[in-house]
Each structure stands twice: as C-alpha cells, then as structure tokens.
Amino acid sequence: MRRVGTFIFGRPRPLSGDRRAEPNYTLDPEEPQNALFNADCNAHDVCYLAEGDASRSRAQCDSEFRNAMNATCTRTYVSTDIEHKRCIGTASYYYWMVRAFGAPYFKG
C-alpha cells in the first residue's frame, strides 16, 4: 500500500520513498497561487508525518502551514495589490480545508 499525503481536493498526493511529497501535488493547476504553495504543502506533509519532531500537534502543523502560505503571498505580491489579497484568500481556504478534513492523515 502506498503512503499518501494530505490533500486539498481531488485525489491524495502520493509520497516518494523518502516520505516527501512528489511535485505532482493535486491542487488545481489553473490557479497560479497553487504553484506558489508547493513548498508550503510539502512542508505540511512532512509535519503531518511527524518527521523529525513528533511533539508538534496537528493544530501547530496547520498553523505553520497557514503562516508559510501567507509569507509566500507577501514575498510574491505587493500587499496593496489585488493579487496579494486573492493569494491570502486562497491560503485561507487551503488552511480551512486541512483543518476540516486533515485529521485522518495526521500521524503525529
């Protein structure tokens, strides 16, 4: 049985042998923010698998995920730009999806 990572929607992301998410994440490729969040999603998967630090709770993993995505938005877009607001909105949506549906995938 293959291990799977967390997912926002669609099928779960497969994990490679070293348990880091492969680059074929399942976010909608039509949305430009999704490519921005790839590294943030991979770090969230590692956190959920409790690699290196089993003391972090699911809430901590999810909070770190949200903070990382918000930081990605801020690094990428000017804060007064509509794209920045859209990016923050997308990050918030992804955060609430993992809060609502991520529990079965948390191994910590």
N, C-alpha and C. Protein backbone atom coordinates (compact mmCIF):
# COMPACT_ATOMS: atom_id res chain seq x y z
N MET A 1 0.85 -1.18 0.00
CA MET A 1 0.00 0.00 0.00
C MET A 1 0.89 1.24 0.00
N ARG A 2 0.61 2.18 -0.87
CA ARG A 2 1.38 3.41 -0.95
C ARG A 2 0.91 4.38 0.13
N ARG A 3 1.86 5.08 0.71
CA ARG A 3 1.51 6.15 1.65
C ARG A 3 1.02 7.35 0.84
N VAL A 4 0.12 8.10 1.42
CA VAL A 4 -0.36 9.29 0.74
C VAL A 4 -0.22 10.49 1.65
N GLY A 5 -0.09 11.65 1.04
CA GLY A 5 -0.02 12.89 1.79
C GLY A 5 -1.41 13.48 1.95
N THR A 6 -1.44 14.63 2.57
CA THR A 6 -2.71 15.32 2.72
C THR A 6 -3.15 15.87 1.37
N PHE A 7 -4.39 16.25 1.28
CA PHE A 7 -4.87 16.80 0.02
C PHE A 7 -5.89 17.89 0.30
N ILE A 8 -5.99 18.81 -0.63
CA ILE A 8 -6.97 19.88 -0.52
C ILE A 8 -8.26 19.43 -1.18
N PHE A 9 -8.17 18.98 -2.38
CA PHE A 9 -9.29 18.38 -3.08
C PHE A 9 -8.72 17.49 -4.15
N GLY A 10 -9.52 16.61 -4.67
CA GLY A 10 -9.02 15.65 -5.64
C GLY A 10 -8.42 14.46 -4.92
N ARG A 11 -7.61 13.72 -5.61
CA ARG A 11 -7.01 12.54 -5.00
C ARG A 11 -5.84 12.95 -4.11
N PRO A 12 -5.51 12.14 -3.11
CA PRO A 12 -4.38 12.46 -2.25
C PRO A 12 -3.08 12.45 -3.04
N ARG A 13 -2.11 13.23 -2.59
CA ARG A 13 -0.82 13.27 -3.24
C ARG A 13 0.01 12.07 -2.83
N PRO A 14 0.60 11.35 -3.78
CA PRO A 14 1.48 10.24 -3.39
C PRO A 14 2.76 10.78 -2.77
N LEU A 15 3.36 9.99 -1.89
CA LEU A 15 4.62 10.37 -1.28
C LEU A 15 5.72 9.49 -1.85
N SER A 16 6.90 10.06 -2.01
CA SER A 16 8.03 9.30 -2.52
C SER A 16 8.57 8.40 -1.43
N GLY A 17 9.53 7.58 -1.78
CA GLY A 17 10.11 6.63 -0.82
C GLY A 17 10.70 7.30 0.40
N ASP A 18 11.21 8.51 0.25
CA ASP A 18 11.77 9.18 1.41
C ASP A 18 10.73 10.04 2.13
N ARG A 19 9.47 9.84 1.82
CA ARG A 19 8.30 10.39 2.50
C ARG A 19 8.12 11.89 2.29
N ARG A 20 8.76 12.46 1.32
CA ARG A 20 8.47 13.85 0.97
C ARG A 20 7.55 13.83 -0.22
N ALA A 21 6.65 14.79 -0.29
CA ALA A 21 5.68 14.81 -1.37
C ALA A 21 6.37 14.97 -2.71
N GLU A 22 5.89 14.24 -3.69
CA GLU A 22 6.36 14.39 -5.06
C GLU A 22 5.81 15.70 -5.61
N PRO A 23 6.40 16.21 -6.68
CA PRO A 23 5.95 17.51 -7.19
C PRO A 23 4.59 17.49 -7.88
N ASN A 24 3.95 16.34 -7.99
CA ASN A 24 2.64 16.31 -8.67
C ASN A 24 1.51 16.47 -7.66
N TYR A 25 1.54 17.58 -6.94
CA TYR A 25 0.50 17.88 -5.97
C TYR A 25 -0.84 18.02 -6.68
N THR A 26 -1.94 17.91 -5.93
CA THR A 26 -3.25 17.82 -6.56
C THR A 26 -4.04 19.11 -6.55
N LEU A 27 -3.39 20.22 -6.34
CA LEU A 27 -4.11 21.48 -6.40
C LEU A 27 -4.43 21.81 -7.85
N ASP A 28 -5.43 22.61 -8.06
CA ASP A 28 -5.87 22.97 -9.40
C ASP A 28 -4.76 23.73 -10.13
N PRO A 29 -4.18 23.16 -11.19
CA PRO A 29 -3.07 23.81 -11.87
C PRO A 29 -3.46 25.09 -12.60
N GLU A 30 -4.75 25.33 -12.77
CA GLU A 30 -5.20 26.55 -13.43
C GLU A 30 -5.05 27.77 -12.53
N GLU A 31 -4.91 27.56 -11.25
CA GLU A 31 -4.77 28.66 -10.30
C GLU A 31 -3.30 28.96 -10.07
N PRO A 32 -2.83 30.18 -10.38
CA PRO A 32 -1.41 30.47 -10.25
C PRO A 32 -0.88 30.39 -8.82
N GLN A 33 -1.72 30.60 -7.81
CA GLN A 33 -1.24 30.52 -6.43
C GLN A 33 -0.79 29.11 -6.06
N ASN A 34 -1.36 28.10 -6.69
CA ASN A 34 -1.06 26.73 -6.29
C ASN A 34 0.41 26.39 -6.47
N ALA A 35 1.03 26.84 -7.55
CA ALA A 35 2.46 26.60 -7.74
C ALA A 35 3.26 27.31 -6.65
N LEU A 36 2.78 28.45 -6.20
CA LEU A 36 3.47 29.18 -5.14
C LEU A 36 3.51 28.39 -3.85
N PHE A 37 2.47 27.63 -3.58
CA PHE A 37 2.33 26.94 -2.31
C PHE A 37 2.93 25.53 -2.30
N ASN A 38 3.57 25.10 -3.36
CA ASN A 38 4.08 23.74 -3.43
C ASN A 38 5.03 23.42 -2.27
N ALA A 39 6.00 24.28 -2.02
CA ALA A 39 6.94 24.04 -0.92
C ALA A 39 6.23 24.05 0.43
N ASP A 40 5.25 24.94 0.58
CA ASP A 40 4.48 25.00 1.84
C ASP A 40 3.68 23.71 2.05
N CYS A 41 3.10 23.20 0.98
CA CYS A 41 2.34 21.94 1.06
C CYS A 41 3.26 20.77 1.41
N ASN A 42 4.44 20.74 0.80
CA ASN A 42 5.38 19.66 1.09
C ASN A 42 5.81 19.69 2.56
N ALA A 43 6.08 20.89 3.08
CA ALA A 43 6.47 21.02 4.49
C ALA A 43 5.32 20.58 5.41
N HIS A 44 4.09 20.89 5.02
CA HIS A 44 2.92 20.48 5.80
C HIS A 44 2.79 18.96 5.81
N ASP A 45 3.04 18.32 4.67
CA ASP A 45 3.01 16.85 4.62
C ASP A 45 4.03 16.25 5.57
N VAL A 46 5.23 16.79 5.57
CA VAL A 46 6.29 16.29 6.45
C VAL A 46 5.88 16.48 7.92
N CYS A 47 5.29 17.61 8.23
CA CYS A 47 4.82 17.87 9.59
C CYS A 47 3.74 16.85 9.99
N TYR A 48 2.81 16.58 9.09
CA TYR A 48 1.76 15.61 9.38
C TYR A 48 2.32 14.21 9.60
N LEU A 49 3.42 13.90 8.96
CA LEU A 49 4.04 12.59 9.12
C LEU A 49 4.95 12.55 10.35
N ALA A 50 5.06 13.67 11.06
CA ALA A 50 5.83 13.78 12.31
C ALA A 50 7.30 13.48 12.11
N GLU A 51 7.83 13.81 10.94
CA GLU A 51 9.24 13.55 10.68
C GLU A 51 10.09 14.57 11.41
N GLY A 52 10.96 14.10 12.27
CA GLY A 52 11.90 14.98 12.95
C GLY A 52 11.37 15.59 14.24
N ASP A 53 10.05 15.71 14.40
CA ASP A 53 9.53 16.36 15.60
C ASP A 53 8.11 15.87 15.87
N ALA A 54 7.99 14.78 16.58
CA ALA A 54 6.68 14.21 16.87
C ALA A 54 5.94 15.00 17.94
N SER A 55 6.57 16.04 18.49
CA SER A 55 5.93 16.81 19.55
C SER A 55 4.96 17.86 19.02
N ARG A 56 4.95 18.10 17.70
CA ARG A 56 4.05 19.11 17.16
C ARG A 56 2.65 18.52 16.98
N SER A 57 1.66 19.30 17.37
CA SER A 57 0.27 18.89 17.24
C SER A 57 -0.22 19.16 15.82
N ARG A 58 -1.36 18.61 15.50
CA ARG A 58 -1.97 18.88 14.21
C ARG A 58 -2.26 20.37 14.06
N ALA A 59 -2.77 21.00 15.11
CA ALA A 59 -3.06 22.44 15.06
C ALA A 59 -1.79 23.24 14.78
N GLN A 60 -0.66 22.83 15.37
CA GLN A 60 0.61 23.52 15.11
C GLN A 60 1.03 23.35 13.65
N CYS A 61 0.91 22.13 13.13
CA CYS A 61 1.25 21.89 11.72
C CYS A 61 0.39 22.76 10.82
N ASP A 62 -0.90 22.82 11.10
CA ASP A 62 -1.80 23.61 10.26
C ASP A 62 -1.53 25.11 10.39
N SER A 63 -1.22 25.57 11.59
CA SER A 63 -0.90 26.97 11.79
C SER A 63 0.38 27.36 11.06
N GLU A 64 1.39 26.49 11.13
CA GLU A 64 2.63 26.73 10.40
C GLU A 64 2.37 26.76 8.89
N PHE A 65 1.49 25.91 8.42
CA PHE A 65 1.11 25.86 7.01
C PHE A 65 0.48 27.20 6.59
N ARG A 66 -0.46 27.68 7.38
CA ARG A 66 -1.10 28.96 7.08
C ARG A 66 -0.08 30.10 7.09
N ASN A 67 0.77 30.14 8.10
CA ASN A 67 1.77 31.20 8.19
C ASN A 67 2.74 31.15 7.01
N ALA A 68 3.13 29.95 6.61
CA ALA A 68 4.05 29.81 5.47
C ALA A 68 3.39 30.29 4.18
N MET A 69 2.13 29.93 3.96
CA MET A 69 1.44 30.37 2.75
C MET A 69 1.27 31.89 2.75
N ASN A 70 0.90 32.47 3.89
CA ASN A 70 0.76 33.92 3.98
C ASN A 70 2.09 34.61 3.69
N ALA A 71 3.18 34.05 4.20
CA ALA A 71 4.51 34.62 3.94
C ALA A 71 4.85 34.51 2.45
N THR A 72 4.48 33.41 1.83
CA THR A 72 4.71 33.24 0.40
C THR A 72 3.96 34.31 -0.39
N CYS A 73 2.73 34.57 -0.01
CA CYS A 73 1.94 35.62 -0.68
C CYS A 73 2.61 36.98 -0.52
N THR A 74 3.09 37.27 0.68
CA THR A 74 3.69 38.57 0.96
C THR A 74 5.01 38.74 0.22
N ARG A 75 5.78 37.66 0.08
CA ARG A 75 7.03 37.73 -0.68
C ARG A 75 6.77 37.90 -2.18
N THR A 76 5.65 37.38 -2.65
CA THR A 76 5.39 37.33 -4.08
C THR A 76 4.66 38.55 -4.62
N TYR A 77 3.75 39.11 -3.83
CA TYR A 77 2.90 40.21 -4.30
C TYR A 77 3.02 41.43 -3.39
N VAL A 78 2.82 42.59 -3.95
CA VAL A 78 2.74 43.83 -3.17
C VAL A 78 1.47 43.76 -2.33
N SER A 79 1.56 44.11 -1.06
CA SER A 79 0.43 43.91 -0.15
C SER A 79 -0.82 44.72 -0.53
N THR A 80 -0.68 45.77 -1.31
CA THR A 80 -1.86 46.54 -1.72
C THR A 80 -2.45 46.05 -3.03
N ASP A 81 -1.81 45.08 -3.65
CA ASP A 81 -2.25 44.54 -4.94
C ASP A 81 -3.41 43.56 -4.74
N ILE A 82 -4.33 43.55 -5.67
CA ILE A 82 -5.47 42.62 -5.60
C ILE A 82 -5.00 41.17 -5.64
N GLU A 83 -3.90 40.91 -6.36
CA GLU A 83 -3.37 39.54 -6.41
C GLU A 83 -2.91 39.06 -5.03
N HIS A 84 -2.37 39.97 -4.22
CA HIS A 84 -1.98 39.62 -2.87
C HIS A 84 -3.20 39.22 -2.05
N LYS A 85 -4.26 39.98 -2.18
CA LYS A 85 -5.49 39.66 -1.44
C LYS A 85 -6.07 38.32 -1.91
N ARG A 86 -6.03 38.08 -3.20
CA ARG A 86 -6.51 36.81 -3.75
C ARG A 86 -5.65 35.65 -3.23
N CYS A 87 -4.34 35.86 -3.19
CA CYS A 87 -3.42 34.84 -2.70
C CYS A 87 -3.70 34.53 -1.23
N ILE A 88 -3.87 35.56 -0.41
CA ILE A 88 -4.19 35.36 1.01
C ILE A 88 -5.52 34.63 1.16
N GLY A 89 -6.49 34.97 0.32
CA GLY A 89 -7.78 34.27 0.35
C GLY A 89 -7.65 32.80 0.00
N THR A 90 -6.83 32.49 -0.99
CA THR A 90 -6.59 31.10 -1.37
C THR A 90 -5.88 30.37 -0.24
N ALA A 91 -4.90 31.00 0.39
CA ALA A 91 -4.20 30.40 1.52
C ALA A 91 -5.16 30.11 2.66
N SER A 92 -6.05 31.03 2.93
CA SER A 92 -7.04 30.83 3.99
C SER A 92 -7.95 29.65 3.68
N TYR A 93 -8.37 29.56 2.44
CA TYR A 93 -9.21 28.43 2.01
C TYR A 93 -8.49 27.10 2.24
N TYR A 94 -7.21 27.03 1.80
CA TYR A 94 -6.46 25.79 1.97
C TYR A 94 -6.27 25.46 3.45
N TYR A 95 -6.03 26.47 4.26
CA TYR A 95 -5.89 26.26 5.70
C TYR A 95 -7.17 25.64 6.27
N TRP A 96 -8.31 26.22 5.93
CA TRP A 96 -9.57 25.71 6.49
C TRP A 96 -9.91 24.33 5.95
N MET A 97 -9.48 24.00 4.75
CA MET A 97 -9.70 22.65 4.23
C MET A 97 -8.88 21.62 5.01
N VAL A 98 -7.62 21.92 5.32
CA VAL A 98 -6.85 20.96 6.11
C VAL A 98 -7.36 20.88 7.54
N ARG A 99 -7.88 21.99 8.07
CA ARG A 99 -8.47 21.93 9.41
C ARG A 99 -9.72 21.05 9.40
N ALA A 100 -10.52 21.18 8.35
CA ALA A 100 -11.78 20.43 8.29
C ALA A 100 -11.57 18.95 7.94
N PHE A 101 -10.62 18.66 7.07
CA PHE A 101 -10.53 17.30 6.52
C PHE A 101 -9.18 16.61 6.73
N GLY A 102 -8.26 17.24 7.40
CA GLY A 102 -6.91 16.67 7.52
C GLY A 102 -6.70 15.67 8.63
N ALA A 103 -7.59 15.57 9.60
CA ALA A 103 -7.37 14.73 10.77
C ALA A 103 -7.00 13.28 10.45
N PRO A 104 -7.65 12.62 9.49
CA PRO A 104 -7.30 11.22 9.23
C PRO A 104 -5.87 11.02 8.72
N TYR A 105 -5.24 12.08 8.25
CA TYR A 105 -3.90 11.97 7.67
C TYR A 105 -2.80 12.36 8.65
N PHE A 106 -3.16 12.86 9.82
CA PHE A 106 -2.16 13.28 10.80
C PHE A 106 -1.60 12.06 11.52
N LYS A 107 -0.26 11.91 11.49
CA LYS A 107 0.39 10.74 12.10
C LYS A 107 1.18 11.10 13.35
N GLY A 108 1.17 12.35 13.75
CA GLY A 108 1.97 12.81 14.88
C GLY A 108 1.55 12.26 16.21
